[in-house]
Amino acid sequence: MLFLHGYTGGRHELHPLFDYLKSRYDFEYEFPVYPGHGTILNLKSAGGEDWYEEALEAYLNLKQRVDHIHIIGFSMGGVFASHIAQNEPVEKLILIAPAFDPISITKPVRLHLMPRHFSEHMKMKSYHRVKKRLRHVPLKAYQEFKNIMAVKKEGIESIGAETMIIHGMQDLLVPYESSVEIAKRIPGARLELIEDAPHLFAFSDHNQLQLNILTERFLFNEDN
């Protein structure tokens, strides 16, 4: 199984899901961290293609050890996962809040959120956590992110993997409507919208549990 984190993120974004699955199932995995990402950001020396190449190399390493590959990609990692699935054998694909149409954190009005939605974000402190982290991202690095997303999101109609897209309807970074549109373009894609979930599911124990269960059922026992 290949786990791909998001832009300016690291393994912590998917670790709760990884820990849940690993505690219940035995599987080979790759869990790369893109250059300049992780606990301490240093995005000045690497660009979008470097980030994608790290993801692809992890896929190729895993491919040498297993016969079937599942990919779980979050945010930017979701776009990387979908691009890999266009060009390499992938059995199942899970895209969590994939960043096919990211917006600026300073323009949440585009999301048409109600006051109660912002109230929930304040309780989780998710808005301030994200905004504080992005404030230290160099402009060039953000442009690299936009450029690599524009390149890697093309051609999703050719994905042959069984696909599930999961997106929170209170996402302040990537509007869930983008996943609604993407689900229409990926053949046979299943879409799960979580009404009260933010961009990063790990901000809420309840949302993380929902994500864990949806993922487990899709990958391991969907018929139950």
Protein backbone atom coordinates (compact mmCIF):
# COMPACT_ATOMS: atom_id res chain seq x y z
CA MET A 1 0.00 0.00 0.00
CA LEU A 2 1.28 3.46 -0.90
CA PHE A 3 0.46 6.46 1.33
CA LEU A 4 0.95 9.94 -0.16
CA HIS A 5 0.64 13.05 2.01
CA GLY A 6 -0.27 16.59 1.00
CA TYR A 7 1.40 19.90 0.20
CA THR A 8 3.40 21.37 3.15
CA GLY A 9 2.43 18.26 5.10
CA GLY A 10 4.02 14.99 6.10
CA ARG A 11 3.26 11.51 7.40
CA HIS A 12 1.28 12.96 10.32
CA GLU A 13 -1.59 13.71 7.92
CA LEU A 14 -2.17 10.03 7.17
CA HIS A 15 -0.60 8.39 10.22
CA PRO A 16 -3.89 7.91 12.12
CA LEU A 17 -5.32 6.05 9.13
CA PHE A 18 -2.08 4.13 8.60
CA ASP A 19 -1.93 3.08 12.27
CA TYR A 20 -5.56 1.95 12.19
CA LEU A 21 -5.09 -0.20 9.09
CA LYS A 22 -1.70 -1.61 10.17
CA SER A 23 -3.12 -2.66 13.54
CA ARG A 24 -5.74 -4.77 11.76
CA TYR A 25 -4.06 -6.01 8.57
CA ASP A 26 -0.62 -7.14 7.46
CA PHE A 27 0.57 -5.39 4.30
CA GLU A 28 3.70 -4.09 2.60
CA TYR A 29 3.82 -0.32 2.32
CA GLU A 30 5.70 2.79 1.27
CA PHE A 31 5.15 6.10 3.07
CA PRO A 32 7.41 8.73 1.49
CA VAL A 33 7.98 12.32 2.60
CA TYR A 34 8.54 14.74 -0.28
CA PRO A 35 11.71 16.85 -0.33
CA GLY A 36 11.38 19.87 1.96
CA HIS A 37 8.26 18.52 3.66
CA GLY A 38 7.66 16.91 7.04
CA THR A 39 7.86 18.35 10.54
CA ILE A 40 10.12 21.23 9.51
CA LEU A 41 9.37 22.85 6.15
CA ASN A 42 12.19 23.81 3.81
CA LEU A 43 10.59 24.34 0.40
CA LYS A 44 13.28 26.53 -1.13
CA SER A 45 15.47 23.82 -2.66
CA ALA A 46 12.94 21.46 -4.30
CA GLY A 47 10.01 21.87 -6.66
CA GLY A 48 6.88 20.15 -7.79
CA GLU A 49 8.53 17.57 -10.04
CA ASP A 50 10.86 16.63 -7.18
CA TRP A 51 7.84 16.00 -4.96
CA TYR A 52 6.12 13.89 -7.60
CA GLU A 53 9.28 11.91 -8.37
CA GLU A 54 9.54 10.98 -4.68
CA ALA A 55 5.98 9.63 -4.83
CA LEU A 56 6.65 7.72 -8.05
CA GLU A 57 9.89 6.24 -6.73
CA ALA A 58 8.02 4.96 -3.67
CA TYR A 59 5.44 3.33 -5.98
CA LEU A 60 8.18 1.65 -8.03
CA ASN A 61 9.92 0.40 -4.88
CA LEU A 62 6.65 -1.11 -3.67
CA LYS A 63 5.94 -2.61 -7.09
CA GLN A 64 9.10 -4.71 -6.77
CA ARG A 65 7.76 -6.37 -3.61
CA VAL A 66 4.05 -6.90 -4.24
CA ASP A 67 1.69 -8.02 -6.99
CA HIS A 68 -1.16 -5.61 -6.29
CA ILE A 69 -0.96 -1.99 -5.14
CA HIS A 70 -3.50 0.21 -3.39
CA ILE A 71 -2.77 3.95 -3.17
CA ILE A 72 -4.15 6.33 -0.56
CA GLY A 73 -3.47 9.95 -1.45
CA PHE A 74 -4.37 13.02 0.58
CA SER A 75 -4.72 16.51 -0.96
CA MET A 76 -1.70 17.00 -3.28
CA GLY A 77 -0.94 13.33 -2.68
CA GLY A 78 -4.36 12.53 -4.11
CA VAL A 79 -3.48 14.25 -7.37
CA PHE A 80 -0.13 12.44 -7.44
CA ALA A 81 -1.92 9.15 -6.77
CA SER A 82 -4.36 9.72 -9.62
CA HIS A 83 -1.51 10.50 -12.02
CA ILE A 84 0.39 7.36 -11.04
CA ALA A 85 -2.80 5.34 -11.56
CA GLN A 86 -3.06 6.66 -15.12
CA ASN A 87 0.35 5.28 -16.02
CA GLU A 88 1.00 2.32 -13.71
CA PRO A 89 -0.99 -0.70 -12.49
CA VAL A 90 -3.07 0.21 -9.43
CA GLU A 91 -5.80 -2.03 -8.05
CA LYS A 92 -7.59 0.38 -5.72
CA LEU A 93 -7.28 4.14 -5.39
CA ILE A 94 -8.46 6.30 -2.49
CA LEU A 95 -8.35 10.07 -2.95
CA ILE A 96 -8.88 12.04 0.27
CA ALA A 97 -9.72 15.73 -0.31
CA PRO A 98 -7.70 15.65 -3.56
CA ALA A 99 -6.34 19.08 -4.47
CA PHE A 100 -7.65 19.25 -8.03
CA ASP A 101 -8.98 22.76 -7.46
CA PRO A 102 -7.22 24.33 -4.44
CA ILE A 103 -8.17 27.82 -3.28
CA SER A 104 -6.52 30.46 -1.16
CA ILE A 105 -7.03 30.16 2.59
CA THR A 106 -7.67 33.91 2.54
CA LYS A 107 -10.77 33.52 0.36
CA PRO A 108 -13.06 31.09 2.19
CA VAL A 109 -16.14 32.99 0.94
CA ARG A 110 -15.91 30.89 -2.21
CA LEU A 111 -16.87 27.85 -0.16
CA HIS A 112 -20.28 29.26 0.82
CA LEU A 113 -19.84 28.13 4.42
CA MET A 114 -22.42 29.01 7.05
CA PRO A 115 -21.42 30.71 10.35
CA ARG A 116 -21.84 27.42 12.23
CA HIS A 117 -19.20 25.87 9.96
CA PHE A 118 -16.66 28.50 10.98
CA SER A 119 -17.65 27.95 14.59
CA GLU A 120 -16.78 24.27 14.25
CA HIS A 121 -13.43 25.15 12.69
CA MET A 122 -12.64 27.49 15.56
CA LYS A 123 -13.32 24.67 18.03
CA MET A 124 -10.88 22.42 16.18
CA LYS A 125 -8.46 25.34 15.64
CA SER A 126 -8.05 23.91 12.14
CA TYR A 127 -8.36 27.25 10.33
CA HIS A 128 -5.59 28.88 12.36
CA ARG A 129 -3.34 25.80 12.24
CA VAL A 130 -3.44 25.71 8.46
CA LYS A 131 -3.18 29.45 7.94
CA LYS A 132 -0.22 29.76 10.33
CA ARG A 133 1.68 26.99 8.54
CA LEU A 134 1.03 28.33 5.04
CA ARG A 135 2.16 31.82 6.08
CA HIS A 136 5.76 30.58 6.03
CA VAL A 137 5.60 29.00 2.57
CA PRO A 138 7.71 30.89 -0.02
CA LEU A 139 5.75 32.29 -2.95
CA LYS A 140 7.89 30.26 -5.35
CA ALA A 141 6.98 27.05 -3.53
CA TYR A 142 3.27 27.87 -3.78
CA GLN A 143 3.69 28.51 -7.49
CA GLU A 144 5.43 25.14 -7.79
CA PHE A 145 2.42 23.56 -6.10
CA LYS A 146 -0.02 25.24 -8.50
CA ASN A 147 2.08 24.27 -11.52
CA ILE A 148 2.49 20.62 -10.58
CA MET A 149 -1.23 20.32 -9.81
CA ALA A 150 -2.11 21.77 -13.22
CA VAL A 151 0.13 19.22 -14.94
CA LYS A 152 -0.74 16.11 -12.94
CA LYS A 153 -4.52 16.51 -12.82
CA GLU A 154 -4.97 15.99 -16.55
CA GLY A 155 -6.09 12.67 -18.02
CA ILE A 156 -8.03 11.25 -15.07
CA GLU A 157 -10.61 9.80 -17.45
CA SER A 158 -8.08 7.05 -18.23
CA ILE A 159 -7.86 5.76 -14.64
CA GLY A 160 -8.72 2.08 -14.56
CA ALA A 161 -8.34 1.46 -10.84
CA GLU A 162 -11.35 0.99 -8.59
CA THR A 163 -11.61 4.46 -7.07
CA MET A 164 -13.16 6.07 -4.01
CA ILE A 165 -13.04 9.81 -3.32
CA ILE A 166 -13.63 11.09 0.22
CA HIS A 167 -14.08 14.81 0.88
CA GLY A 168 -15.20 16.94 3.80
CA MET A 169 -17.87 19.53 3.10
CA GLN A 170 -16.22 22.01 5.49
CA ASP A 171 -12.91 21.92 3.65
CA LEU A 172 -11.38 25.43 3.71
CA LEU A 173 -8.59 24.62 1.25
CA VAL A 174 -10.15 22.50 -1.50
CA PRO A 175 -13.89 22.91 -2.21
CA TYR A 176 -15.70 19.59 -2.07
CA GLU A 177 -17.47 20.49 -5.34
CA SER A 178 -14.20 19.78 -7.12
CA SER A 179 -14.40 16.15 -5.98
CA VAL A 180 -18.01 15.97 -7.15
CA GLU A 181 -16.83 16.90 -10.63
CA ILE A 182 -13.77 14.64 -10.51
CA ALA A 183 -15.94 11.67 -9.50
CA LYS A 184 -17.96 12.15 -12.68
CA ARG A 185 -14.81 11.95 -14.80
CA ILE A 186 -13.16 8.87 -13.27
CA PRO A 187 -14.93 5.76 -14.58
CA GLY A 188 -16.99 4.10 -11.85
CA ALA A 189 -15.64 6.33 -9.07
CA ARG A 190 -17.43 6.23 -5.72
CA LEU A 191 -17.86 9.54 -3.88
CA GLU A 192 -18.24 9.93 -0.10
CA LEU A 193 -18.97 13.44 1.22
CA ILE A 194 -18.62 14.00 4.99
CA GLU A 195 -20.83 16.90 6.04
CA ASP A 196 -18.88 18.12 9.07
CA ALA A 197 -15.30 17.23 8.06
CA PRO A 198 -12.50 19.79 7.46
CA HIS A 199 -9.63 19.40 4.98
CA LEU A 200 -7.52 17.32 7.37
CA PHE A 201 -9.65 14.59 8.91
CA ALA A 202 -7.17 14.05 11.74
CA PHE A 203 -8.30 17.34 13.33
CA SER A 204 -11.39 15.51 14.60
CA ASP A 205 -11.54 12.05 16.20
CA HIS A 206 -15.07 11.57 14.86
CA ASN A 207 -14.10 12.43 11.29
CA GLN A 208 -10.94 10.33 11.50
CA LEU A 209 -13.01 7.33 12.58
CA GLN A 210 -15.34 7.86 9.62
CA LEU A 211 -12.34 7.96 7.30
CA ASN A 212 -10.85 4.83 8.86
CA ILE A 213 -14.06 2.84 8.44
CA LEU A 214 -14.74 3.97 4.88
CA THR A 215 -11.18 3.11 3.87
CA GLU A 216 -11.20 -0.27 5.58
CA ARG A 217 -14.46 -1.31 3.98
CA PHE A 218 -13.36 -0.18 0.53
CA LEU A 219 -9.98 -1.91 0.68
CA PHE A 220 -10.64 -5.06 2.68
CA ASN A 221 -14.29 -5.99 3.23
CA GLU A 222 -16.50 -3.86 1.05
CA ASP A 223 -19.16 -6.57 0.76
CA ASN A 224 -19.79 -6.63 4.53
